[in-house]
Amino acid sequence: MIEQIIVASRGRNPNNPSDRTTGAPTEQRLEPNLDGVSNTITTVQKDNYVLEIRNGVDADE
């Protein structure tokens, strides 16, 4: 079975993910949206992905 989840790539402060201070240190992370829709509409075309979770499926399939 393959489960698909929409995720967004976001740069967040690893010590305080809700911090939006300009110049704060950031790390890239994937943030899931379990509603099955895109997280947002932005001018950044690469920030939304489909994550496939393969449960009990061989990698070759």
C-alpha atoms as a PDB file:
ATOM      1  CA  MET A   1       0.000   0.000   0.000  1.00  0.00           C
ATOM      2  CA  ILE A   2       1.254   3.476  -0.864  1.00  0.00           C
ATOM      3  CA  GLU A   3       0.002   6.450   1.137  1.00  0.00           C
ATOM      4  CA  GLN A   4       0.452   9.928  -0.360  1.00  0.00           C
ATOM      5  CA  ILE A   5       0.718  13.065   1.776  1.00  0.00           C
ATOM      6  CA  ILE A   6       1.196  16.672   0.637  1.00  0.00           C
ATOM      7  CA  VAL A   7       4.238  18.284   2.300  1.00  0.00           C
ATOM      8  CA  ALA A   8       5.783  21.728   2.043  1.00  0.00           C
ATOM      9  CA  SER A   9       9.466  22.561   2.269  1.00  0.00           C
ATOM     10  CA  ARG A  10       9.970  25.396   4.731  1.00  0.00           C
ATOM     11  CA  GLY A  11      12.963  27.080   6.314  1.00  0.00           C
ATOM     12  CA  ARG A  12      12.344  27.247  10.072  1.00  0.00           C
ATOM     13  CA  ASN A  13      14.368  28.215  13.106  1.00  0.00           C
ATOM     14  CA  PRO A  14      15.280  24.804  14.625  1.00  0.00           C
ATOM     15  CA  ASN A  15      15.086  26.175  18.184  1.00  0.00           C
ATOM     16  CA  ASN A  16      11.815  28.093  17.686  1.00  0.00           C
ATOM     17  CA  PRO A  17       9.884  27.032  14.534  1.00  0.00           C
ATOM     18  CA  SER A  18       7.302  29.825  14.962  1.00  0.00           C
ATOM     19  CA  ASP A  19      10.041  32.532  14.904  1.00  0.00           C
ATOM     20  CA  ARG A  20       9.832  34.602  11.706  1.00  0.00           C
ATOM     21  CA  THR A  21      12.580  37.101  12.618  1.00  0.00           C
ATOM     22  CA  THR A  22      14.584  38.211   9.573  1.00  0.00           C
ATOM     23  CA  GLY A  23      18.105  36.790   9.758  1.00  0.00           C
ATOM     24  CA  ALA A  24      17.251  34.078  12.290  1.00  0.00           C
ATOM     25  CA  PRO A  25      19.045  30.758  11.674  1.00  0.00           C
ATOM     26  CA  THR A  26      16.978  28.294   9.662  1.00  0.00           C
ATOM     27  CA  GLU A  27      16.959  24.650   8.624  1.00  0.00           C
ATOM     28  CA  GLN A  28      14.872  23.153   5.836  1.00  0.00           C
ATOM     29  CA  ARG A  29      12.101  20.812   6.960  1.00  0.00           C
ATOM     30  CA  LEU A  30       9.085  19.104   5.462  1.00  0.00           C
ATOM     31  CA  GLU A  31       5.730  20.083   6.947  1.00  0.00           C
ATOM     32  CA  PRO A  32       2.811  17.716   6.197  1.00  0.00           C
ATOM     33  CA  ASN A  33      -0.728  18.778   5.349  1.00  0.00           C
ATOM     34  CA  LEU A  34      -3.034  15.886   6.172  1.00  0.00           C
ATOM     35  CA  ASP A  35      -6.065  17.565   4.515  1.00  0.00           C
ATOM     36  CA  GLY A  36      -4.937  16.266   1.100  1.00  0.00           C
ATOM     37  CA  VAL A  37      -4.597  19.729  -0.445  1.00  0.00           C
ATOM     38  CA  SER A  38      -1.669  21.982  -1.267  1.00  0.00           C
ATOM     39  CA  ASN A  39      -0.317  23.892   1.729  1.00  0.00           C
ATOM     40  CA  THR A  40      -0.318  27.277   0.041  1.00  0.00           C
ATOM     41  CA  ILE A  41      -0.168  29.100  -3.235  1.00  0.00           C
ATOM     42  CA  THR A  42       3.076  31.054  -3.478  1.00  0.00           C
ATOM     43  CA  THR A  43       5.433  32.314  -6.138  1.00  0.00           C
ATOM     44  CA  VAL A  44       7.885  29.591  -5.039  1.00  0.00           C
ATOM     45  CA  GLN A  45       7.255  26.674  -7.382  1.00  0.00           C
ATOM     46  CA  LYS A  46       9.370  24.116  -5.555  1.00  0.00           C
ATOM     47  CA  ASP A  47       7.928  24.296  -2.065  1.00  0.00           C
ATOM     48  CA  ASN A  48       5.157  21.658  -2.296  1.00  0.00           C
ATOM     49  CA  TYR A  49       5.806  17.940  -2.713  1.00  0.00           C
ATOM     50  CA  VAL A  50       3.976  14.627  -2.597  1.00  0.00           C
ATOM     51  CA  LEU A  51       5.496  12.304  -0.008  1.00  0.00           C
ATOM     52  CA  GLU A  52       4.884   8.613  -0.692  1.00  0.00           C
ATOM     53  CA  ILE A  53       4.946   6.264   2.282  1.00  0.00           C
ATOM     54  CA  ARG A  54       5.315   2.675   1.137  1.00  0.00           C
ATOM     55  CA  ASN A  55       3.975   0.217   3.700  1.00  0.00           C
ATOM     56  CA  GLY A  56       4.904  -3.373   2.958  1.00  0.00           C
ATOM     57  CA  VAL A  57       5.973  -2.609  -0.637  1.00  0.00           C
ATOM     58  CA  ASP A  58       9.374  -3.592  -2.009  1.00  0.00           C
ATOM     59  CA  ALA A  59      11.470  -0.665  -3.242  1.00  0.00           C
ATOM     60  CA  ASP A  60      11.652  -2.293  -6.713  1.00  0.00           C
ATOM     61  CA  GLU A  61       7.881  -2.182  -7.210  1.00  0.00           C
END
